[in-house]
Amino acid sequence: MMKKLSVPDGYFYEGFTFDMFFCLHFRGADGTIHIRIYSDYYVNIPADWARKVETFSECNFSSDPNDPVLAFVLACIRWSDSHQLQGIYVTDDELVIAFANGLTLHISHYDDEDDAWTVEKEAFVPCGDGRKRETELLLSCDNVLAGSAVENGLLYENEPDNH
């Protein structure tokens, strides 16, 4: 069963950072969502992703060849007309990030790290005469697998098209 993360409409993909792991940034009117990826991933269909990675094999990457290919794909999305976030979904095995252009990024729940992935929200909130930055953990692989994400209302059942 696929469940959708409760995120307001209007978030767009702003870009990514990479330093031992990917962190995707989505900006909306009420803050920024950061998705940190610590586990295996693929884009769209596993066999298509493997072929795409293979086409870059002549580059002789010294590390995991998936990382430079994902960086390329994410950069292409950033400068496309369809960098709107369509939704963030959770299945029994993975987190799925859906973009308006139909591309889906699938992130495995399983990794040797403490958490295979996390979804955080950063926002500026009133504080005295000014504002301060607050970051809240919305969802993590660990709380999905433990069942607490459904209990606290962050996820709801949804059957999105084409995923």
Protein backbone atom coordinates (compact mmCIF):
# COMPACT_ATOMS: atom_id res chain seq x y z
CA MET A 1 0.00 0.00 0.00
CA MET A 2 1.32 3.43 -0.92
CA LYS A 3 0.88 6.26 1.58
CA LYS A 4 1.38 9.96 0.92
CA LEU A 5 3.23 12.38 3.19
CA SER A 6 1.02 15.29 4.17
CA VAL A 7 2.79 18.22 2.46
CA PRO A 8 1.03 21.39 1.25
CA ASP A 9 0.87 22.00 -2.50
CA GLY A 10 3.22 24.47 -4.13
CA TYR A 11 6.65 23.09 -3.23
CA PHE A 12 9.25 23.22 -5.99
CA TYR A 13 12.60 21.52 -6.30
CA GLU A 14 15.26 24.08 -5.51
CA GLY A 15 18.36 21.91 -5.87
CA PHE A 16 20.58 19.50 -3.99
CA THR A 17 23.76 19.33 -1.98
CA PHE A 18 26.15 16.39 -1.77
CA ASP A 19 28.73 15.58 0.88
CA MET A 20 28.86 11.82 1.48
CA PHE A 21 25.06 11.76 0.90
CA PHE A 22 22.50 13.63 -1.18
CA CYS A 23 20.20 16.22 0.35
CA LEU A 24 17.35 17.44 -1.88
CA HIS A 25 15.77 20.84 -1.17
CA PHE A 26 12.14 21.74 -1.92
CA ARG A 27 10.92 25.29 -1.23
CA GLY A 28 7.34 26.24 -0.46
CA ALA A 29 5.51 29.24 0.92
CA ASP A 30 5.78 27.94 4.48
CA GLY A 31 9.40 26.73 4.47
CA THR A 32 11.85 24.30 2.93
CA ILE A 33 11.72 20.51 2.94
CA HIS A 34 15.06 18.68 3.01
CA ILE A 35 15.22 15.00 2.06
CA ARG A 36 18.48 13.31 3.06
CA ILE A 37 19.38 10.08 1.25
CA TYR A 38 21.68 7.59 2.99
CA SER A 39 20.63 4.36 1.24
CA ASP A 40 20.36 2.91 -2.26
CA TYR A 41 18.15 4.65 -4.79
CA TYR A 42 17.11 4.58 -8.42
CA VAL A 43 15.17 6.81 -10.79
CA ASN A 44 11.93 5.62 -12.44
CA ILE A 45 12.45 1.89 -13.22
CA PRO A 46 15.43 -0.12 -11.86
CA ALA A 47 16.41 -1.63 -15.23
CA ASP A 48 16.30 1.77 -16.95
CA TRP A 49 18.37 3.28 -14.15
CA ALA A 50 20.99 0.51 -14.48
CA ARG A 51 21.23 1.20 -18.23
CA LYS A 52 21.61 4.93 -17.61
CA VAL A 53 24.40 4.33 -15.10
CA GLU A 54 26.07 1.93 -17.55
CA THR A 55 26.14 4.64 -20.26
CA PHE A 56 28.38 6.69 -17.98
CA SER A 57 30.79 3.78 -17.36
CA GLU A 58 33.41 5.23 -19.70
CA CYS A 59 33.92 8.04 -17.17
CA ASN A 60 35.70 5.56 -14.86
CA PHE A 61 34.27 6.95 -11.63
CA SER A 62 36.43 6.14 -8.63
CA SER A 63 33.42 5.69 -6.36
CA ASP A 64 29.80 4.57 -6.70
CA PRO A 65 28.80 5.37 -10.31
CA ASN A 66 25.20 6.00 -9.23
CA ASP A 67 26.09 9.25 -7.44
CA PRO A 68 27.37 11.28 -10.44
CA VAL A 69 24.48 10.04 -12.56
CA LEU A 70 21.92 11.07 -9.92
CA ALA A 71 23.65 14.46 -9.64
CA PHE A 72 23.26 14.86 -13.41
CA VAL A 73 19.55 13.88 -13.32
CA LEU A 74 18.84 16.18 -10.35
CA ALA A 75 20.60 19.09 -12.07
CA CYS A 76 18.49 18.51 -15.20
CA ILE A 77 15.29 18.57 -13.13
CA ARG A 78 16.36 21.78 -11.41
CA TRP A 79 16.55 23.69 -14.66
CA SER A 80 13.52 22.10 -16.31
CA ASP A 81 10.05 23.59 -16.51
CA SER A 82 8.67 20.76 -14.37
CA HIS A 83 10.55 21.02 -11.09
CA GLN A 84 7.35 21.11 -9.06
CA LEU A 85 7.03 18.50 -6.30
CA GLN A 86 4.06 16.27 -7.07
CA GLY A 87 4.25 14.25 -3.86
CA ILE A 88 6.27 12.26 -1.36
CA TYR A 89 5.07 8.69 -0.93
CA VAL A 90 6.00 5.74 1.25
CA THR A 91 5.60 2.08 0.26
CA ASP A 92 6.54 -1.04 2.20
CA ASP A 93 10.07 -0.89 0.78
CA GLU A 94 10.87 2.68 -0.20
CA LEU A 95 10.33 6.42 -0.11
CA VAL A 96 9.20 7.77 -3.49
CA ILE A 97 9.63 11.41 -4.54
CA ALA A 98 7.43 12.29 -7.51
CA PHE A 99 8.12 15.30 -9.71
CA ALA A 100 5.60 17.04 -11.98
CA ASN A 101 7.50 15.87 -15.09
CA GLY A 102 6.69 12.25 -14.23
CA LEU A 103 10.13 11.35 -12.89
CA THR A 104 10.19 9.38 -9.64
CA LEU A 105 13.12 8.94 -7.28
CA HIS A 106 12.91 5.72 -5.23
CA ILE A 107 14.91 5.49 -1.99
CA SER A 108 15.27 2.16 -0.20
CA HIS A 109 14.22 1.77 3.44
CA TYR A 110 17.15 -0.55 4.02
CA ASP A 111 20.70 0.57 4.71
CA ASP A 112 23.50 -0.03 7.18
CA GLU A 113 23.07 3.51 8.53
CA ASP A 114 20.81 4.47 11.44
CA ASP A 115 18.26 5.89 9.02
CA ALA A 116 18.10 5.14 5.30
CA TRP A 117 16.52 8.57 4.67
CA THR A 118 14.96 11.51 6.51
CA VAL A 119 12.47 14.23 5.59
CA GLU A 120 12.90 17.49 7.49
CA LYS A 121 11.10 20.82 7.31
CA GLU A 122 12.90 24.07 7.93
CA ALA A 123 10.97 27.28 8.54
CA PHE A 124 11.43 30.72 10.03
CA VAL A 125 9.17 31.29 13.03
CA PRO A 126 8.47 34.44 15.07
CA CYS A 127 10.83 34.92 17.99
CA GLY A 128 10.65 38.08 20.07
CA ASP A 129 11.16 41.01 17.67
CA GLY A 130 12.52 38.83 14.89
CA ARG A 131 12.44 35.35 13.48
CA LYS A 132 14.48 32.23 14.09
CA ARG A 133 15.08 29.17 11.96
CA GLU A 134 13.58 25.91 13.19
CA THR A 135 14.08 22.46 11.73
CA GLU A 136 11.60 19.67 12.41
CA LEU A 137 12.00 16.00 11.54
CA LEU A 138 8.80 15.20 9.63
CA LEU A 139 9.53 11.62 8.74
CA SER A 140 12.33 9.11 8.87
CA CYS A 141 12.75 5.60 7.64
CA ASP A 142 12.93 4.41 11.24
CA ASN A 143 9.57 5.91 12.27
CA VAL A 144 7.91 4.56 9.12
CA LEU A 145 9.16 1.04 9.79
CA ALA A 146 8.11 1.33 13.45
CA GLY A 147 4.60 2.43 12.41
CA SER A 148 4.68 5.74 14.30
CA ALA A 149 4.40 7.88 11.15
CA VAL A 150 0.88 6.62 10.48
CA GLU A 151 -0.11 6.98 14.11
CA ASN A 152 0.86 10.67 14.26
CA GLY A 153 -1.05 11.57 11.06
CA LEU A 154 1.92 12.40 8.84
CA LEU A 155 0.99 9.72 6.29
CA TYR A 156 -2.33 8.96 4.73
CA GLU A 157 -3.41 6.31 2.25
CA ASN A 158 -3.22 7.34 -1.37
CA GLU A 159 -2.97 5.55 -4.67
CA PRO A 160 -1.18 8.02 -6.98
CA ASP A 161 -1.31 7.54 -10.74
CA ASN A 162 1.73 6.18 -12.61
CA HIS A 163 3.85 5.19 -9.60
